[in-house]
Each structure stands twice: as structure tokens, then as C-alpha cells.
Amino acid sequence: MKVIADIAVVPIGVGVSLSRYVAMCERVFREFGLEPVLHANGTNVEGEWDVVMAALKRCHEVLHEAGAPRISTNVRLSTRVDREQTMEDKIRSVREKLGRARPSASGH
């Protein structure tokens, strides 16, 4: 089953700057053949359920190996069985309703 996941992995006990750990997880997602889309509060990925979950597990393993004593992860999952839909499909649909196909130069 295909899944679209919004994932926020938060290592605890490593200080206030988390970008190093975010980059580690981004690499893991890529190693699993996923194409992560980073946003300000997490990462979106899409793929087969088992691949996404295995990548998320590996993220935790890598961050623990890097010294994070605790990790809190928030995940939102979306699946469909009536038709296939990608993250880009969902974004395009909203942009079409806004009357534009691409984001403006300011990103808004």
C-alpha cells in the first residue's frame, strides 16, 4: 500500500539545534529510495508503506547511534484505495483552485 507521510523526528537531549539530525534522517530517506520534501517543521515522504516505516525505524537507529538519548516522532499518514495520488498531485490541486500552477517568487 502506498502512503504519504508527514514526519517530524525530534531528538531530545541533544541541544536546541536539530539541523544535524534532520540531515541524517534526510539521508536515510534517500538511502531507502524515497524523495523527501523538507519543510519548516518536518519532512514529507511518499512510497510503499513498509519502505517508509523501515526508513523511519532506521532514522531512529541512526540518531540514537549519533548520541540522541531520546527521540520523539510525530507522524501523519495518508492512504487512498480509490485512486493513486502523489504529494505533487495534492499540491497541484490546491494551486489550481488558487488560480496558479506554481508558487510565486516569494514562495507564498
PDB file of N, CA and C in Angstrom:
ATOM      1  N   MET A   1       0.848  -1.175   0.000  1.00  0.00           N
ATOM      2  CA  MET A   1       0.000   0.000   0.000  1.00  0.00           C
ATOM      3  C   MET A   1       0.892   1.237   0.000  1.00  0.00           C
ATOM      4  N   LYS A   2       0.538   2.195  -0.832  1.00  0.00           N
ATOM      5  CA  LYS A   2       1.270   3.463  -0.880  1.00  0.00           C
ATOM      6  C   LYS A   2       0.798   4.370   0.259  1.00  0.00           C
ATOM      7  N   VAL A   3       1.742   5.165   0.765  1.00  0.00           N
ATOM      8  CA  VAL A   3       1.439   6.083   1.852  1.00  0.00           C
ATOM      9  C   VAL A   3       2.154   7.402   1.604  1.00  0.00           C
ATOM     10  N   ILE A   4       1.505   8.476   1.994  1.00  0.00           N
ATOM     11  CA  ILE A   4       2.139   9.782   2.066  1.00  0.00           C
ATOM     12  C   ILE A   4       2.259  10.082   3.551  1.00  0.00           C
ATOM     13  N   ALA A   5       3.486  10.413   3.991  1.00  0.00           N
ATOM     14  CA  ALA A   5       3.731  10.631   5.410  1.00  0.00           C
ATOM     15  C   ALA A   5       4.315  12.013   5.648  1.00  0.00           C
ATOM     16  N   ASP A   6       3.823  12.661   6.686  1.00  0.00           N
ATOM     17  CA  ASP A   6       4.386  13.913   7.177  1.00  0.00           C
ATOM     18  C   ASP A   6       5.067  13.542   8.482  1.00  0.00           C
ATOM     19  N   ILE A   7       6.388  13.668   8.528  1.00  0.00           N
ATOM     20  CA  ILE A   7       7.176  13.147   9.644  1.00  0.00           C
ATOM     21  C   ILE A   7       7.984  14.265  10.292  1.00  0.00           C
ATOM     22  N   ALA A   8       7.921  14.339  11.600  1.00  0.00           N
ATOM     23  CA  ALA A   8       8.759  15.253  12.372  1.00  0.00           C
ATOM     24  C   ALA A   8       9.476  14.431  13.437  1.00  0.00           C
ATOM     25  N   VAL A   9      10.767  14.210  13.227  1.00  0.00           N
ATOM     26  CA  VAL A   9      11.594  13.459  14.160  1.00  0.00           C
ATOM     27  C   VAL A   9      12.318  14.466  15.037  1.00  0.00           C
ATOM     28  N   VAL A  10      12.126  14.367  16.356  1.00  0.00           N
ATOM     29  CA  VAL A  10      12.692  15.343  17.278  1.00  0.00           C
ATOM     30  C   VAL A  10      13.580  14.635  18.299  1.00  0.00           C
ATOM     31  N   PRO A  11      14.904  14.719  18.110  1.00  0.00           N
ATOM     32  CA  PRO A  11      15.796  14.154  19.109  1.00  0.00           C
ATOM     33  C   PRO A  11      15.766  15.025  20.366  1.00  0.00           C
ATOM     34  N   ILE A  12      15.764  14.392  21.515  1.00  0.00           N
ATOM     35  CA  ILE A  12      15.696  15.105  22.791  1.00  0.00           C
ATOM     36  C   ILE A  12      16.999  14.860  23.549  1.00  0.00           C
ATOM     37  N   GLY A  13      17.510  15.907  24.173  1.00  0.00           N
ATOM     38  CA  GLY A  13      18.733  15.782  24.951  1.00  0.00           C
ATOM     39  C   GLY A  13      19.989  16.037  24.141  1.00  0.00           C
ATOM     40  N   VAL A  14      19.836  16.722  22.989  1.00  0.00           N
ATOM     41  CA  VAL A  14      20.987  16.990  22.126  1.00  0.00           C
ATOM     42  C   VAL A  14      21.210  18.481  21.911  1.00  0.00           C
ATOM     43  N   GLY A  15      20.507  19.321  22.640  1.00  0.00           N
ATOM     44  CA  GLY A  15      20.626  20.760  22.456  1.00  0.00           C
ATOM     45  C   GLY A  15      19.480  21.314  21.637  1.00  0.00           C
ATOM     46  N   VAL A  16      19.575  22.605  21.317  1.00  0.00           N
ATOM     47  CA  VAL A  16      18.466  23.263  20.628  1.00  0.00           C
ATOM     48  C   VAL A  16      18.585  23.232  19.112  1.00  0.00           C
ATOM     49  N   SER A  17      19.774  23.049  18.566  1.00  0.00           N
ATOM     50  CA  SER A  17      19.935  22.981  17.122  1.00  0.00           C
ATOM     51  C   SER A  17      19.782  21.535  16.662  1.00  0.00           C
ATOM     52  N   LEU A  18      18.806  21.302  15.799  1.00  0.00           N
ATOM     53  CA  LEU A  18      18.498  19.934  15.369  1.00  0.00           C
ATOM     54  C   LEU A  18      18.827  19.678  13.905  1.00  0.00           C
ATOM     55  N   SER A  19      19.334  20.672  13.190  1.00  0.00           N
ATOM     56  CA  SER A  19      19.545  20.519  11.752  1.00  0.00           C
ATOM     57  C   SER A  19      20.489  19.366  11.414  1.00  0.00           C
ATOM     58  N   ARG A  20      21.474  19.111  12.241  1.00  0.00           N
ATOM     59  CA  ARG A  20      22.385  17.981  12.004  1.00  0.00           C
ATOM     60  C   ARG A  20      21.606  16.668  11.960  1.00  0.00           C
ATOM     61  N   TYR A  21      20.670  16.527  12.869  1.00  0.00           N
ATOM     62  CA  TYR A  21      19.886  15.294  12.967  1.00  0.00           C
ATOM     63  C   TYR A  21      18.857  15.207  11.838  1.00  0.00           C
ATOM     64  N   VAL A  22      18.290  16.341  11.464  1.00  0.00           N
ATOM     65  CA  VAL A  22      17.361  16.378  10.335  1.00  0.00           C
ATOM     66  C   VAL A  22      18.090  15.905   9.080  1.00  0.00           C
ATOM     67  N   ALA A  23      19.302  16.392   8.882  1.00  0.00           N
ATOM     68  CA  ALA A  23      20.085  15.999   7.706  1.00  0.00           C
ATOM     69  C   ALA A  23      20.357  14.493   7.714  1.00  0.00           C
ATOM     70  N   MET A  24      20.611  13.933   8.880  1.00  0.00           N
ATOM     71  CA  MET A  24      20.839  12.480   8.981  1.00  0.00           C
ATOM     72  C   MET A  24      19.606  11.715   8.513  1.00  0.00           C
ATOM     73  N   CYS A  25      18.438  12.145   8.943  1.00  0.00           N
ATOM     74  CA  CYS A  25      17.205  11.462   8.536  1.00  0.00           C
ATOM     75  C   CYS A  25      16.933  11.658   7.051  1.00  0.00           C
ATOM     76  N   GLU A  26      17.210  12.846   6.526  1.00  0.00           N
ATOM     77  CA  GLU A  26      17.030  13.081   5.093  1.00  0.00           C
ATOM     78  C   GLU A  26      17.880  12.088   4.298  1.00  0.00           C
ATOM     79  N   ARG A  27      19.119  11.863   4.755  1.00  0.00           N
ATOM     80  CA  ARG A  27      19.998  10.894   4.079  1.00  0.00           C
ATOM     81  C   ARG A  27      19.412   9.490   4.143  1.00  0.00           C
ATOM     82  N   VAL A  28      18.886   9.118   5.296  1.00  0.00           N
ATOM     83  CA  VAL A  28      18.282   7.788   5.456  1.00  0.00           C
ATOM     84  C   VAL A  28      17.118   7.627   4.479  1.00  0.00           C
ATOM     85  N   PHE A  29      16.249   8.608   4.409  1.00  0.00           N
ATOM     86  CA  PHE A  29      15.113   8.510   3.491  1.00  0.00           C
ATOM     87  C   PHE A  29      15.605   8.290   2.063  1.00  0.00           C
ATOM     88  N   ARG A  30      16.631   9.019   1.666  1.00  0.00           N
ATOM     89  CA  ARG A  30      17.179   8.868   0.312  1.00  0.00           C
ATOM     90  C   ARG A  30      17.785   7.478   0.110  1.00  0.00           C
ATOM     91  N   GLU A  31      18.465   6.969   1.128  1.00  0.00           N
ATOM     92  CA  GLU A  31      19.050   5.622   1.043  1.00  0.00           C
ATOM     93  C   GLU A  31      17.979   4.559   0.819  1.00  0.00           C
ATOM     94  N   PHE A  32      16.773   4.825   1.285  1.00  0.00           N
ATOM     95  CA  PHE A  32      15.662   3.893   1.114  1.00  0.00           C
ATOM     96  C   PHE A  32      14.916   4.139  -0.202  1.00  0.00           C
ATOM     97  N   GLY A  33      15.454   5.018  -1.028  1.00  0.00           N
ATOM     98  CA  GLY A  33      14.851   5.272  -2.330  1.00  0.00           C
ATOM     99  C   GLY A  33      13.691   6.245  -2.295  1.00  0.00           C
ATOM    100  N   LEU A  34      13.514   6.929  -1.190  1.00  0.00           N
ATOM    101  CA  LEU A  34      12.438   7.907  -1.066  1.00  0.00           C
ATOM    102  C   LEU A  34      12.965   9.277  -1.483  1.00  0.00           C
ATOM    103  N   GLU A  35      12.059  10.170  -1.826  1.00  0.00           N
ATOM    104  CA  GLU A  35      12.433  11.532  -2.190  1.00  0.00           C
ATOM    105  C   GLU A  35      11.823  12.479  -1.164  1.00  0.00           C
ATOM    106  N   PRO A  36      12.535  12.709  -0.061  1.00  0.00           N
ATOM    107  CA  PRO A  36      11.978  13.550   0.994  1.00  0.00           C
ATOM    108  C   PRO A  36      11.804  14.992   0.546  1.00  0.00           C
ATOM    109  N   VAL A  37      10.736  15.601   1.036  1.00  0.00           N
ATOM    110  CA  VAL A  37      10.475  17.016   0.789  1.00  0.00           C
ATOM    111  C   VAL A  37      10.500  17.701   2.146  1.00  0.00           C
ATOM    112  N   LEU A  38      11.591  18.393   2.396  1.00  0.00           N
ATOM    113  CA  LEU A  38      11.787  19.082   3.662  1.00  0.00           C
ATOM    114  C   LEU A  38      10.891  20.312   3.733  1.00  0.00           C
ATOM    115  N   HIS A  39      10.293  20.545   4.894  1.00  0.00           N
ATOM    116  CA  HIS A  39       9.574  21.796   5.135  1.00  0.00           C
ATOM    117  C   HIS A  39       9.970  22.300   6.516  1.00  0.00           C
ATOM    118  N   ALA A  40       9.489  23.433   6.906  1.00  0.00           N
ATOM    119  CA  ALA A  40       9.962  24.091   8.119  1.00  0.00           C
ATOM    120  C   ALA A  40       9.784  23.266   9.388  1.00  0.00           C
ATOM    121  N   ASN A  41       8.792  22.399   9.419  1.00  0.00           N
ATOM    122  CA  ASN A  41       8.515  21.645  10.646  1.00  0.00           C
ATOM    123  C   ASN A  41       8.566  20.143  10.462  1.00  0.00           C
ATOM    124  N   GLY A  42       9.234  19.678   9.422  1.00  0.00           N
ATOM    125  CA  GLY A  42       9.312  18.236   9.213  1.00  0.00           C
ATOM    126  C   GLY A  42       9.652  17.895   7.782  1.00  0.00           C
ATOM    127  N   THR A  43       9.289  16.683   7.412  1.00  0.00           N
ATOM    128  CA  THR A  43       9.595  16.154   6.088  1.00  0.00           C
ATOM    129  C   THR A  43       8.408  15.360   5.578  1.00  0.00           C
ATOM    130  N   ASN A  44       8.087  15.527   4.310  1.00  0.00           N
ATOM    131  CA  ASN A  44       7.079  14.699   3.655  1.00  0.00           C
ATOM    132  C   ASN A  44       7.789  13.647   2.817  1.00  0.00           C
ATOM    133  N   VAL A  45       7.287  12.414   2.872  1.00  0.00           N
ATOM    134  CA  VAL A  45       7.781  11.348   2.000  1.00  0.00           C
ATOM    135  C   VAL A  45       6.589  10.556   1.505  1.00  0.00           C
ATOM    136  N   GLU A  46       6.771   9.928   0.350  1.00  0.00           N
ATOM    137  CA  GLU A  46       5.739   9.036  -0.162  1.00  0.00           C
ATOM    138  C   GLU A  46       6.413   7.783  -0.681  1.00  0.00           C
ATOM    139  N   GLY A  47       5.715   6.684  -0.535  1.00  0.00           N
ATOM    140  CA  GLY A  47       6.252   5.420  -1.010  1.00  0.00           C
ATOM    141  C   GLY A  47       5.437   4.266  -0.471  1.00  0.00           C
ATOM    142  N   GLU A  48       5.959   3.079  -0.650  1.00  0.00           N
ATOM    143  CA  GLU A  48       5.293   1.901  -0.112  1.00  0.00           C
ATOM    144  C   GLU A  48       5.350   1.940   1.412  1.00  0.00           C
ATOM    145  N   TRP A  49       4.255   1.567   2.042  1.00  0.00           N
ATOM    146  CA  TRP A  49       4.115   1.610   3.499  1.00  0.00           C
ATOM    147  C   TRP A  49       5.333   1.009   4.196  1.00  0.00           C
ATOM    148  N   ASP A  50       5.707  -0.220   3.830  1.00  0.00           N
ATOM    149  CA  ASP A  50       6.794  -0.914   4.523  1.00  0.00           C
ATOM    150  C   ASP A  50       8.130  -0.205   4.345  1.00  0.00           C
ATOM    151  N   VAL A  51       8.355   0.409   3.205  1.00  0.00           N
ATOM    152  CA  VAL A  51       9.606   1.131   2.961  1.00  0.00           C
ATOM    153  C   VAL A  51       9.658   2.383   3.826  1.00  0.00           C
ATOM    154  N   VAL A  52       8.567   3.137   3.861  1.00  0.00           N
ATOM    155  CA  VAL A  52       8.515   4.359   4.667  1.00  0.00           C
ATOM    156  C   VAL A  52       8.710   4.020   6.143  1.00  0.00           C
ATOM    157  N   MET A  53       8.054   2.989   6.627  1.00  0.00           N
ATOM    158  CA  MET A  53       8.186   2.613   8.036  1.00  0.00           C
ATOM    159  C   MET A  53       9.598   2.102   8.359  1.00  0.00           C
ATOM    160  N   ALA A  54      10.182   1.359   7.444  1.00  0.00           N
ATOM    161  CA  ALA A  54      11.552   0.873   7.650  1.00  0.00           C
ATOM    162  C   ALA A  54      12.535   2.042   7.678  1.00  0.00           C
ATOM    163  N   ALA A  55      12.324   3.021   6.818  1.00  0.00           N
ATOM    164  CA  ALA A  55      13.189   4.200   6.805  1.00  0.00           C
ATOM    165  C   ALA A  55      13.050   4.982   8.101  1.00  0.00           C
ATOM    166  N   LEU A  56      11.838   5.116   8.590  1.00  0.00           N
ATOM    167  CA  LEU A  56      11.609   5.825   9.844  1.00  0.00           C
ATOM    168  C   LEU A  56      12.293   5.099  11.002  1.00  0.00           C
ATOM    169  N   LYS A  57      12.190   3.781  11.023  1.00  0.00           N
ATOM    170  CA  LYS A  57      12.879   3.000  12.058  1.00  0.00           C
ATOM    171  C   LYS A  57      14.383   3.229  11.970  1.00  0.00           C
ATOM    172  N   ARG A  58      14.923   3.203  10.747  1.00  0.00           N
ATOM    173  CA  ARG A  58      16.356   3.407  10.563  1.00  0.00           C
ATOM    174  C   ARG A  58      16.765   4.805  11.000  1.00  0.00           C
ATOM    175  N   CYS A  59      15.906   5.798  10.780  1.00  0.00           N
ATOM    176  CA  CYS A  59      16.162   7.159  11.263  1.00  0.00           C
ATOM    177  C   CYS A  59      16.404   7.154  12.765  1.00  0.00           C
ATOM    178  N   HIS A  60      15.524   6.471  13.472  1.00  0.00           N
ATOM    179  CA  HIS A  60      15.670   6.389  14.926  1.00  0.00           C
ATOM    180  C   HIS A  60      16.990   5.714  15.292  1.00  0.00           C
ATOM    181  N   GLU A  61      17.306   4.635  14.628  1.00  0.00           N
ATOM    182  CA  GLU A  61      18.551   3.918  14.925  1.00  0.00           C
ATOM    183  C   GLU A  61      19.762   4.819  14.702  1.00  0.00           C
ATOM    184  N   VAL A  62      19.784   5.525  13.573  1.00  0.00           N
ATOM    185  CA  VAL A  62      20.912   6.393  13.228  1.00  0.00           C
ATOM    186  C   VAL A  62      21.062   7.526  14.247  1.00  0.00           C
ATOM    187  N   LEU A  63      19.955   8.130  14.636  1.00  0.00           N
ATOM    188  CA  LEU A  63      20.025   9.233  15.600  1.00  0.00           C
ATOM    189  C   LEU A  63      20.462   8.756  16.976  1.00  0.00           C
ATOM    190  N   HIS A  64      20.003   7.577  17.381  1.00  0.00           N
ATOM    191  CA  HIS A  64      20.477   7.025  18.654  1.00  0.00           C
ATOM    192  C   HIS A  64      21.978   6.735  18.574  1.00  0.00           C
ATOM    193  N   GLU A  65      22.415   6.177  17.447  1.00  0.00           N
ATOM    194  CA  GLU A  65      23.847   5.902  17.255  1.00  0.00           C
ATOM    195  C   GLU A  65      24.668   7.192  17.283  1.00  0.00           C
ATOM    196  N   ALA A  66      24.058   8.307  16.877  1.00  0.00           N
ATOM    197  CA  ALA A  66      24.739   9.602  16.856  1.00  0.00           C
ATOM    198  C   ALA A  66      24.708  10.293  18.217  1.00  0.00           C
ATOM    199  N   GLY A  67      24.109   9.644  19.212  1.00  0.00           N
ATOM    200  CA  GLY A  67      24.137  10.192  20.557  1.00  0.00           C
ATOM    201  C   GLY A  67      22.842  10.741  21.104  1.00  0.00           C
ATOM    202  N   ALA A  68      21.774  10.688  20.333  1.00  0.00           N
ATOM    203  CA  ALA A  68      20.486  11.169  20.851  1.00  0.00           C
ATOM    204  C   ALA A  68      19.940  10.128  21.835  1.00  0.00           C
ATOM    205  N   PRO A  69      19.796  10.497  23.115  1.00  0.00           N
ATOM    206  CA  PRO A  69      19.325   9.525  24.093  1.00  0.00           C
ATOM    207  C   PRO A  69      17.823   9.241  23.996  1.00  0.00           C
ATOM    208  N   ARG A  70      17.092  10.176  23.412  1.00  0.00           N
ATOM    209  CA  ARG A  70      15.634  10.034  23.319  1.00  0.00           C
ATOM    210  C   ARG A  70      15.164  10.701  22.031  1.00  0.00           C
ATOM    211  N   ILE A  71      14.131  10.128  21.427  1.00  0.00           N
ATOM    212  CA  ILE A  71      13.579  10.687  20.189  1.00  0.00           C
ATOM    213  C   ILE A  71      12.060  10.648  20.271  1.00  0.00           C
ATOM    214  N   SER A  72      11.451  11.757  19.942  1.00  0.00           N
ATOM    215  CA  SER A  72      10.001  11.835  19.854  1.00  0.00           C
ATOM    216  C   SER A  72       9.642  12.119  18.404  1.00  0.00           C
ATOM    217  N   THR A  73       8.789  11.280  17.833  1.00  0.00           N
ATOM    218  CA  THR A  73       8.428  11.437  16.429  1.00  0.00           C
ATOM    219  C   THR A  73       6.922  11.587  16.274  1.00  0.00           C
ATOM    220  N   ASN A  74       6.543  12.580  15.492  1.00  0.00           N
ATOM    221  CA  ASN A  74       5.143  12.779  15.129  1.00  0.00           C
ATOM    222  C   ASN A  74       4.980  12.397  13.675  1.00  0.00           C
ATOM    223  N   VAL A  75       3.960  11.593  13.384  1.00  0.00           N
ATOM    224  CA  VAL A  75       3.731  11.123  12.023  1.00  0.00           C
ATOM    225  C   VAL A  75       2.249  11.283  11.683  1.00  0.00           C
ATOM    226  N   ARG A  76       1.992  11.855  10.501  1.00  0.00           N
ATOM    227  CA  ARG A  76       0.636  11.869   9.945  1.00  0.00           C
ATOM    228  C   ARG A  76       0.710  11.073   8.665  1.00  0.00           C
ATOM    229  N   LEU A  77      -0.218  10.147   8.491  1.00  0.00           N
ATOM    230  CA  LEU A  77      -0.217   9.262   7.334  1.00  0.00           C
ATOM    231  C   LEU A  77      -1.482   9.436   6.521  1.00  0.00           C
ATOM    232  N   SER A  78      -1.307   9.306   5.211  1.00  0.00           N
ATOM    233  CA  SER A  78      -2.441   9.392   4.303  1.00  0.00           C
ATOM    234  C   SER A  78      -2.353   8.241   3.308  1.00  0.00           C
ATOM    235  N   THR A  79      -3.439   7.492   3.191  1.00  0.00           N
ATOM    236  CA  THR A  79      -3.509   6.427   2.191  1.00  0.00           C
ATOM    237  C   THR A  79      -4.809   6.568   1.419  1.00  0.00           C
ATOM    238  N   ARG A  80      -4.800   6.059   0.196  1.00  0.00           N
ATOM    239  CA  ARG A  80      -6.007   6.041  -0.635  1.00  0.00           C
ATOM    240  C   ARG A  80      -6.094   4.690  -1.309  1.00  0.00           C
ATOM    241  N   VAL A  81      -7.311   4.201  -1.458  1.00  0.00           N
ATOM    242  CA  VAL A  81      -7.515   2.964  -2.209  1.00  0.00           C
ATOM    243  C   VAL A  81      -8.390   3.185  -3.437  1.00  0.00           C
ATOM    244  N   ASP A  82      -8.991   4.388  -3.535  1.00  0.00           N
ATOM    245  CA  ASP A  82      -9.858   4.665  -4.677  1.00  0.00           C
ATOM    246  C   ASP A  82      -9.074   5.083  -5.918  1.00  0.00           C
ATOM    247  N   ARG A  83      -7.877   5.656  -5.721  1.00  0.00           N
ATOM    248  CA  ARG A  83      -7.018   6.029  -6.842  1.00  0.00           C
ATOM    249  C   ARG A  83      -5.633   6.368  -6.301  1.00  0.00           C
ATOM    250  N   GLU A  84      -4.663   6.381  -7.212  1.00  0.00           N
ATOM    251  CA  GLU A  84      -3.320   6.786  -6.812  1.00  0.00           C
ATOM    252  C   GLU A  84      -3.246   8.306  -6.761  1.00  0.00           C
ATOM    253  N   GLN A  85      -2.525   8.814  -5.769  1.00  0.00           N
ATOM    254  CA  GLN A  85      -2.357  10.250  -5.637  1.00  0.00           C
ATOM    255  C   GLN A  85      -0.992  10.516  -5.025  1.00  0.00           C
ATOM    256  N   THR A  86      -0.230  11.408  -5.646  1.00  0.00           N
ATOM    257  CA  THR A  86       1.085  11.762  -5.133  1.00  0.00           C
ATOM    258  C   THR A  86       1.004  13.057  -4.335  1.00  0.00           C
ATOM    259  N   MET A  87       2.100  13.366  -3.647  1.00  0.00           N
ATOM    260  CA  MET A  87       2.158  14.642  -2.936  1.00  0.00           C
ATOM    261  C   MET A  87       1.990  15.790  -3.916  1.00  0.00           C
ATOM    262  N   GLU A  88       2.635  15.683  -5.065  1.00  0.00           N
ATOM    263  CA  GLU A  88       2.547  16.741  -6.078  1.00  0.00           C
ATOM    264  C   GLU A  88       1.122  16.893  -6.594  1.00  0.00           C
ATOM    265  N   ASP A  89       0.412  15.778  -6.748  1.00  0.00           N
ATOM    266  CA  ASP A  89      -0.999  15.848  -7.166  1.00  0.00           C
ATOM    267  C   ASP A  89      -1.805  16.686  -6.180  1.00  0.00           C
ATOM    268  N   LYS A  90      -1.582  16.465  -4.896  1.00  0.00           N
ATOM    269  CA  LYS A  90      -2.340  17.175  -3.868  1.00  0.00           C
ATOM    270  C   LYS A  90      -2.023  18.671  -3.901  1.00  0.00           C
ATOM    271  N   ILE A  91      -0.753  19.000  -4.050  1.00  0.00           N
ATOM    272  CA  ILE A  91      -0.336  20.401  -4.094  1.00  0.00           C
ATOM    273  C   ILE A  91      -0.877  21.081  -5.348  1.00  0.00           C
ATOM    274  N   ARG A  92      -0.767  20.401  -6.478  1.00  0.00           N
ATOM    275  CA  ARG A  92      -1.259  20.958  -7.742  1.00  0.00           C
ATOM    276  C   ARG A  92      -2.760  21.251  -7.663  1.00  0.00           C
ATOM    277  N   SER A  93      -3.517  20.371  -7.047  1.00  0.00           N
ATOM    278  CA  SER A  93      -4.961  20.558  -6.934  1.00  0.00           C
ATOM    279  C   SER A  93      -5.292  21.849  -6.190  1.00  0.00           C
ATOM    280  N   VAL A  94      -4.589  22.112  -5.110  1.00  0.00           N
ATOM    281  CA  VAL A  94      -4.838  23.338  -4.349  1.00  0.00           C
ATOM    282  C   VAL A  94      -4.403  24.561  -5.154  1.00  0.00           C
ATOM    283  N   ARG A  95      -3.234  24.464  -5.783  1.00  0.00           N
ATOM    284  CA  ARG A  95      -2.755  25.601  -6.578  1.00  0.00           C
ATOM    285  C   ARG A  95      -3.704  25.930  -7.727  1.00  0.00           C
ATOM    286  N   GLU A  96      -4.272  24.904  -8.350  1.00  0.00           N
ATOM    287  CA  GLU A  96      -5.239  25.145  -9.421  1.00  0.00           C
ATOM    288  C   GLU A  96      -6.443  25.896  -8.891  1.00  0.00           C
ATOM    289  N   LYS A  97      -6.869  25.538  -7.704  1.00  0.00           N
ATOM    290  CA  LYS A  97      -8.024  26.220  -7.114  1.00  0.00           C
ATOM    291  C   LYS A  97      -7.676  27.653  -6.715  1.00  0.00           C
ATOM    292  N   LEU A  98      -6.404  27.910  -6.464  1.00  0.00           N
ATOM    293  CA  LEU A  98      -5.949  29.270  -6.167  1.00  0.00           C
ATOM    294  C   LEU A  98      -5.705  30.070  -7.444  1.00  0.00           C
ATOM    295  N   GLY A  99      -5.718  29.382  -8.589  1.00  0.00           N
ATOM    296  CA  GLY A  99      -5.534  30.051  -9.855  1.00  0.00           C
ATOM    297  C   GLY A  99      -4.099  30.164 -10.303  1.00  0.00           C
ATOM    298  N   ARG A 100      -3.238  29.317  -9.756  1.00  0.00           N
ATOM    299  CA  ARG A 100      -1.844  29.342 -10.187  1.00  0.00           C
ATOM    300  C   ARG A 100      -1.280  27.930 -10.164  1.00  0.00           C
ATOM    301  N   ALA A 101      -0.404  27.647 -11.076  1.00  0.00           N
ATOM    302  CA  ALA A 101       0.195  26.309 -11.179  1.00  0.00           C
ATOM    303  C   ALA A 101       1.480  26.206 -10.372  1.00  0.00           C
ATOM    304  N   ARG A 102       2.167  27.330 -10.150  1.00  0.00           N
ATOM    305  CA  ARG A 102       3.440  27.313  -9.429  1.00  0.00           C
ATOM    306  C   ARG A 102       3.405  28.373  -8.321  1.00  0.00           C
ATOM    307  N   PRO A 103       4.257  28.198  -7.300  1.00  0.00           N
ATOM    308  CA  PRO A 103       4.292  29.208  -6.248  1.00  0.00           C
ATOM    309  C   PRO A 103       4.871  30.509  -6.779  1.00  0.00           C
ATOM    310  N   SER A 104       4.497  31.614  -6.167  1.00  0.00           N
ATOM    311  CA  SER A 104       5.024  32.912  -6.575  1.00  0.00           C
ATOM    312  C   SER A 104       6.490  33.019  -6.173  1.00  0.00           C
ATOM    313  N   ALA A 105       7.159  34.049  -6.639  1.00  0.00           N
ATOM    314  CA  ALA A 105       8.581  34.253  -6.347  1.00  0.00           C
ATOM    315  C   ALA A 105       8.832  34.341  -4.848  1.00  0.00           C
ATOM    316  N   SER A 106       7.867  34.849  -4.104  1.00  0.00           N
ATOM    317  CA  SER A 106       8.045  34.972  -2.659  1.00  0.00           C
ATOM    318  C   SER A 106       7.798  33.644  -1.949  1.00  0.00           C
ATOM    319  N   GLY A 107       7.311  32.643  -2.671  1.00  0.00           N
ATOM    320  CA  GLY A 107       7.056  31.349  -2.066  1.00  0.00           C
ATOM    321  C   GLY A 107       5.699  31.247  -1.387  1.00  0.00           C
ATOM    322  N   HIS A 108       4.889  32.297  -1.492  1.00  0.00           N
ATOM    323  CA  HIS A 108       3.566  32.280  -0.841  1.00  0.00           C
ATOM    324  C   HIS A 108       2.474  32.142  -1.848  1.00  0.00           C
TER     325      HIS A 108
END
